[in-house]
Amino acid sequence: MSLIGDSSRFLLRRQQVAICGLVAVFVVSAIAVAHAAFETRRLYGLLQVQQDAQDEFDSEFERLLLEQGAWANYARVDEVSRRELAMRNPRAADVVVVSR
């Protein structure tokens, strides 16, 4: 009888250890899932911030392209060169034609 009693106690203890192990695995798994969800939300927030910054840079780049086009306008360059640099069109006498 003691042999059967020892055997059943051993099996009961083994089941308890297995159940405790499974509970530990479930707890660790649940913590890992919660951490992964947290990291996903955090990284998605950072992605949104970076996309907003990229949108701002794109808008500023477009504004700068427009400004560059305005500053490089031929009529404006001609007006500035005449006003600030005192440039003028050459007279007919100043033009030299070189033939081949």
N, C-alpha and C. Protein backbone atom coordinates (compact mmCIF):
# COMPACT_ATOMS: atom_id res chain seq x y z
N MET A 1 0.80 -1.18 0.00
CA MET A 1 0.00 0.00 0.00
C MET A 1 0.85 1.26 0.00
N SER A 2 1.91 1.23 0.71
CA SER A 2 2.77 2.41 0.74
C SER A 2 3.39 2.66 -0.62
N LEU A 3 3.59 1.59 -1.39
CA LEU A 3 4.13 1.76 -2.74
C LEU A 3 3.14 2.50 -3.62
N ILE A 4 1.88 2.18 -3.50
CA ILE A 4 0.84 2.86 -4.28
C ILE A 4 0.68 4.29 -3.79
N GLY A 5 0.73 4.50 -2.51
CA GLY A 5 0.61 5.85 -1.95
C GLY A 5 1.75 6.73 -2.39
N ASP A 6 2.98 6.21 -2.38
CA ASP A 6 4.13 6.99 -2.82
C ASP A 6 4.02 7.32 -4.30
N SER A 7 3.54 6.37 -5.08
CA SER A 7 3.41 6.55 -6.52
C SER A 7 2.38 7.64 -6.82
N SER A 8 1.25 7.61 -6.15
CA SER A 8 0.21 8.61 -6.41
C SER A 8 0.65 10.00 -5.94
N ARG A 9 1.40 10.05 -4.84
CA ARG A 9 1.92 11.34 -4.39
C ARG A 9 2.93 11.89 -5.39
N PHE A 10 3.74 11.02 -5.96
CA PHE A 10 4.72 11.44 -6.96
C PHE A 10 4.02 11.99 -8.20
N LEU A 11 2.96 11.28 -8.66
CA LEU A 11 2.21 11.74 -9.83
C LEU A 11 1.49 13.05 -9.54
N LEU A 12 0.94 13.17 -8.33
CA LEU A 12 0.26 14.40 -7.95
C LEU A 12 1.24 15.57 -7.93
N ARG A 13 2.41 15.32 -7.37
CA ARG A 13 3.44 16.37 -7.31
C ARG A 13 3.89 16.73 -8.72
N ARG A 14 4.05 15.75 -9.58
CA ARG A 14 4.47 15.99 -10.96
C ARG A 14 3.41 16.82 -11.70
N GLN A 15 2.14 16.55 -11.48
CA GLN A 15 1.07 17.32 -12.10
C GLN A 15 1.09 18.76 -11.59
N GLN A 16 1.33 18.92 -10.30
CA GLN A 16 1.38 20.27 -9.73
C GLN A 16 2.53 21.07 -10.34
N VAL A 17 3.67 20.42 -10.51
CA VAL A 17 4.82 21.10 -11.11
C VAL A 17 4.51 21.45 -12.56
N ALA A 18 3.87 20.55 -13.28
CA ALA A 18 3.52 20.82 -14.68
C ALA A 18 2.52 21.97 -14.77
N ILE A 19 1.54 21.99 -13.88
CA ILE A 19 0.55 23.08 -13.88
C ILE A 19 1.22 24.41 -13.54
N CYS A 20 2.10 24.39 -12.58
CA CYS A 20 2.83 25.62 -12.22
C CYS A 20 3.68 26.10 -13.40
N GLY A 21 4.30 25.17 -14.08
CA GLY A 21 5.10 25.52 -15.26
C GLY A 21 4.25 26.14 -16.36
N LEU A 22 3.08 25.54 -16.60
CA LEU A 22 2.18 26.09 -17.61
C LEU A 22 1.68 27.48 -17.23
N VAL A 23 1.35 27.65 -15.96
CA VAL A 23 0.90 28.97 -15.49
C VAL A 23 2.02 29.99 -15.69
N ALA A 24 3.24 29.61 -15.38
CA ALA A 24 4.38 30.53 -15.57
C ALA A 24 4.55 30.89 -17.05
N VAL A 25 4.41 29.88 -17.91
CA VAL A 25 4.53 30.15 -19.35
C VAL A 25 3.43 31.09 -19.81
N PHE A 26 2.20 30.90 -19.35
CA PHE A 26 1.09 31.77 -19.72
C PHE A 26 1.31 33.19 -19.23
N VAL A 27 1.80 33.33 -18.00
CA VAL A 27 2.05 34.65 -17.45
C VAL A 27 3.13 35.38 -18.25
N VAL A 28 4.21 34.68 -18.54
CA VAL A 28 5.30 35.28 -19.32
C VAL A 28 4.79 35.65 -20.72
N SER A 29 3.99 34.79 -21.31
CA SER A 29 3.43 35.06 -22.63
C SER A 29 2.52 36.29 -22.59
N ALA A 30 1.70 36.40 -21.57
CA ALA A 30 0.81 37.56 -21.45
C ALA A 30 1.60 38.85 -21.28
N ILE A 31 2.65 38.80 -20.48
CA ILE A 31 3.50 39.98 -20.29
C ILE A 31 4.18 40.35 -21.61
N ALA A 32 4.63 39.36 -22.38
CA ALA A 32 5.27 39.63 -23.67
C ALA A 32 4.29 40.26 -24.65
N VAL A 33 3.06 39.79 -24.66
CA VAL A 33 2.04 40.37 -25.54
C VAL A 33 1.75 41.81 -25.15
N ALA A 34 1.63 42.08 -23.86
CA ALA A 34 1.37 43.45 -23.39
C ALA A 34 2.53 44.37 -23.76
N HIS A 35 3.75 43.87 -23.59
CA HIS A 35 4.92 44.68 -23.93
C HIS A 35 4.98 44.95 -25.44
N ALA A 36 4.69 43.95 -26.25
CA ALA A 36 4.69 44.14 -27.70
C ALA A 36 3.62 45.15 -28.12
N ALA A 37 2.46 45.10 -27.51
CA ALA A 37 1.40 46.08 -27.82
C ALA A 37 1.84 47.48 -27.42
N PHE A 38 2.47 47.61 -26.26
CA PHE A 38 2.96 48.91 -25.81
C PHE A 38 4.01 49.46 -26.78
N GLU A 39 4.97 48.63 -27.15
CA GLU A 39 6.02 49.06 -28.09
C GLU A 39 5.43 49.45 -29.44
N THR A 40 4.44 48.70 -29.89
CA THR A 40 3.80 49.01 -31.16
C THR A 40 3.15 50.39 -31.10
N ARG A 41 2.43 50.67 -30.03
CA ARG A 41 1.79 51.99 -29.88
C ARG A 41 2.83 53.10 -29.79
N ARG A 42 3.89 52.85 -29.04
CA ARG A 42 4.94 53.87 -28.88
C ARG A 42 5.62 54.16 -30.22
N LEU A 43 5.97 53.12 -30.95
CA LEU A 43 6.65 53.30 -32.23
C LEU A 43 5.73 53.92 -33.27
N TYR A 44 4.44 53.59 -33.21
CA TYR A 44 3.49 54.21 -34.13
C TYR A 44 3.37 55.71 -33.85
N GLY A 45 3.41 56.08 -32.58
CA GLY A 45 3.41 57.50 -32.21
C GLY A 45 4.63 58.21 -32.76
N LEU A 46 5.79 57.59 -32.64
CA LEU A 46 7.02 58.17 -33.20
C LEU A 46 6.93 58.28 -34.72
N LEU A 47 6.34 57.29 -35.36
CA LEU A 47 6.16 57.34 -36.81
C LEU A 47 5.29 58.52 -37.20
N GLN A 48 4.22 58.76 -36.45
CA GLN A 48 3.34 59.90 -36.74
C GLN A 48 4.09 61.21 -36.61
N VAL A 49 4.92 61.33 -35.58
CA VAL A 49 5.71 62.55 -35.39
C VAL A 49 6.65 62.76 -36.57
N GLN A 50 7.32 61.69 -37.00
CA GLN A 50 8.26 61.80 -38.12
C GLN A 50 7.53 62.13 -39.42
N GLN A 51 6.36 61.57 -39.63
CA GLN A 51 5.60 61.88 -40.84
C GLN A 51 5.13 63.33 -40.83
N ASP A 52 4.75 63.84 -39.67
CA ASP A 52 4.38 65.26 -39.57
C ASP A 52 5.57 66.15 -39.90
N ALA A 53 6.73 65.79 -39.38
CA ALA A 53 7.94 66.57 -39.67
C ALA A 53 8.27 66.51 -41.16
N GLN A 54 8.12 65.35 -41.77
CA GLN A 54 8.38 65.21 -43.20
C GLN A 54 7.41 66.08 -44.00
N ASP A 55 6.15 66.12 -43.60
CA ASP A 55 5.16 66.97 -44.28
C ASP A 55 5.55 68.44 -44.18
N GLU A 56 6.04 68.85 -43.01
CA GLU A 56 6.49 70.24 -42.84
C GLU A 56 7.68 70.54 -43.75
N PHE A 57 8.63 69.61 -43.82
CA PHE A 57 9.79 69.82 -44.68
C PHE A 57 9.39 69.87 -46.15
N ASP A 58 8.46 69.02 -46.55
CA ASP A 58 7.99 69.04 -47.93
C ASP A 58 7.31 70.37 -48.26
N SER A 59 6.51 70.87 -47.34
CA SER A 59 5.84 72.16 -47.55
C SER A 59 6.86 73.29 -47.66
N GLU A 60 7.85 73.28 -46.78
CA GLU A 60 8.87 74.33 -46.83
C GLU A 60 9.69 74.23 -48.12
N PHE A 61 9.98 73.02 -48.55
CA PHE A 61 10.73 72.84 -49.80
C PHE A 61 9.94 73.41 -50.98
N GLU A 62 8.64 73.17 -51.01
CA GLU A 62 7.81 73.72 -52.09
C GLU A 62 7.80 75.24 -52.04
N ARG A 63 7.71 75.81 -50.83
CA ARG A 63 7.76 77.27 -50.71
C ARG A 63 9.10 77.81 -51.20
N LEU A 64 10.18 77.11 -50.86
CA LEU A 64 11.51 77.56 -51.30
C LEU A 64 11.65 77.47 -52.82
N LEU A 65 11.08 76.44 -53.42
CA LEU A 65 11.11 76.34 -54.88
C LEU A 65 10.37 77.51 -55.52
N LEU A 66 9.22 77.86 -54.96
CA LEU A 66 8.48 79.01 -55.48
C LEU A 66 9.28 80.30 -55.31
N GLU A 67 9.90 80.46 -54.15
CA GLU A 67 10.71 81.65 -53.91
C GLU A 67 11.90 81.71 -54.86
N GLN A 68 12.52 80.56 -55.09
CA GLN A 68 13.65 80.52 -56.03
C GLN A 68 13.19 80.91 -57.42
N GLY A 69 12.03 80.43 -57.82
CA GLY A 69 11.50 80.79 -59.13
C GLY A 69 11.23 82.29 -59.23
N ALA A 70 10.73 82.87 -58.13
CA ALA A 70 10.46 84.30 -58.14
C ALA A 70 11.75 85.11 -58.22
N TRP A 71 12.78 84.70 -57.48
CA TRP A 71 14.04 85.44 -57.48
C TRP A 71 14.78 85.28 -58.81
N ALA A 72 14.59 84.15 -59.46
CA ALA A 72 15.32 83.90 -60.71
C ALA A 72 14.53 84.34 -61.94
N ASN A 73 13.40 84.99 -61.75
CA ASN A 73 12.60 85.47 -62.87
C ASN A 73 13.44 86.42 -63.74
N TYR A 74 13.38 86.25 -65.06
CA TYR A 74 14.23 87.02 -65.96
C TYR A 74 13.98 88.52 -65.81
N ALA A 75 12.73 88.93 -65.72
CA ALA A 75 12.42 90.36 -65.60
C ALA A 75 13.02 90.93 -64.32
N ARG A 76 12.97 90.18 -63.23
CA ARG A 76 13.54 90.66 -61.97
C ARG A 76 15.06 90.76 -62.06
N VAL A 77 15.69 89.75 -62.64
CA VAL A 77 17.16 89.78 -62.78
C VAL A 77 17.56 90.99 -63.63
N ASP A 78 16.83 91.25 -64.70
CA ASP A 78 17.13 92.40 -65.57
C ASP A 78 16.98 93.70 -64.80
N GLU A 79 15.90 93.81 -64.02
CA GLU A 79 15.66 95.04 -63.26
C GLU A 79 16.73 95.26 -62.20
N VAL A 80 17.12 94.21 -61.49
CA VAL A 80 18.15 94.34 -60.46
C VAL A 80 19.50 94.66 -61.08
N SER A 81 19.81 94.02 -62.19
CA SER A 81 21.11 94.29 -62.82
C SER A 81 21.20 95.73 -63.31
N ARG A 82 20.11 96.28 -63.80
CA ARG A 82 20.12 97.69 -64.23
C ARG A 82 20.19 98.63 -63.03
N ARG A 83 19.43 98.34 -61.99
CA ARG A 83 19.35 99.25 -60.84
C ARG A 83 20.59 99.18 -59.97
N GLU A 84 21.00 97.98 -59.56
CA GLU A 84 22.08 97.85 -58.58
C GLU A 84 23.47 97.78 -59.20
N LEU A 85 23.57 97.25 -60.40
CA LEU A 85 24.90 97.09 -61.02
C LEU A 85 25.13 98.07 -62.16
N ALA A 86 24.13 98.89 -62.43
CA ALA A 86 24.21 99.88 -63.50
C ALA A 86 24.55 99.22 -64.84
N MET A 87 24.01 98.07 -65.09
CA MET A 87 24.24 97.38 -66.36
C MET A 87 23.24 97.91 -67.38
N ARG A 88 23.61 97.79 -68.64
CA ARG A 88 22.74 98.27 -69.71
C ARG A 88 22.96 97.41 -70.93
N ASN A 89 22.07 97.53 -71.91
CA ASN A 89 22.28 96.84 -73.18
C ASN A 89 23.42 97.52 -73.93
N PRO A 90 24.24 96.75 -74.61
CA PRO A 90 25.34 97.39 -75.35
C PRO A 90 24.80 98.20 -76.53
N ARG A 91 25.51 99.31 -76.84
CA ARG A 91 25.15 100.11 -78.02
C ARG A 91 25.57 99.36 -79.27
N ALA A 92 25.00 99.73 -80.37
CA ALA A 92 25.33 99.06 -81.63
C ALA A 92 26.80 99.20 -81.95
N ALA A 93 27.41 100.32 -81.59
CA ALA A 93 28.83 100.55 -81.86
C ALA A 93 29.71 99.66 -81.02
N ASP A 94 29.20 99.20 -79.87
CA ASP A 94 29.99 98.35 -78.97
C ASP A 94 29.94 96.86 -79.32
N VAL A 95 29.05 96.50 -80.23
CA VAL A 95 28.88 95.10 -80.60
C VAL A 95 29.90 94.76 -81.70
N VAL A 96 30.63 93.68 -81.48
CA VAL A 96 31.60 93.23 -82.45
C VAL A 96 31.13 91.88 -82.97
N VAL A 97 31.02 91.75 -84.28
CA VAL A 97 30.61 90.49 -84.87
C VAL A 97 31.85 89.81 -85.41
N VAL A 98 32.06 88.59 -85.00
CA VAL A 98 33.23 87.82 -85.42
C VAL A 98 32.75 86.78 -86.42
N SER A 99 33.34 86.81 -87.57
CA SER A 99 32.94 85.83 -88.58
C SER A 99 33.95 84.70 -88.61
N ARG A 100 33.53 83.60 -89.18
CA ARG A 100 34.41 82.45 -89.23
C ARG A 100 35.52 82.65 -90.18
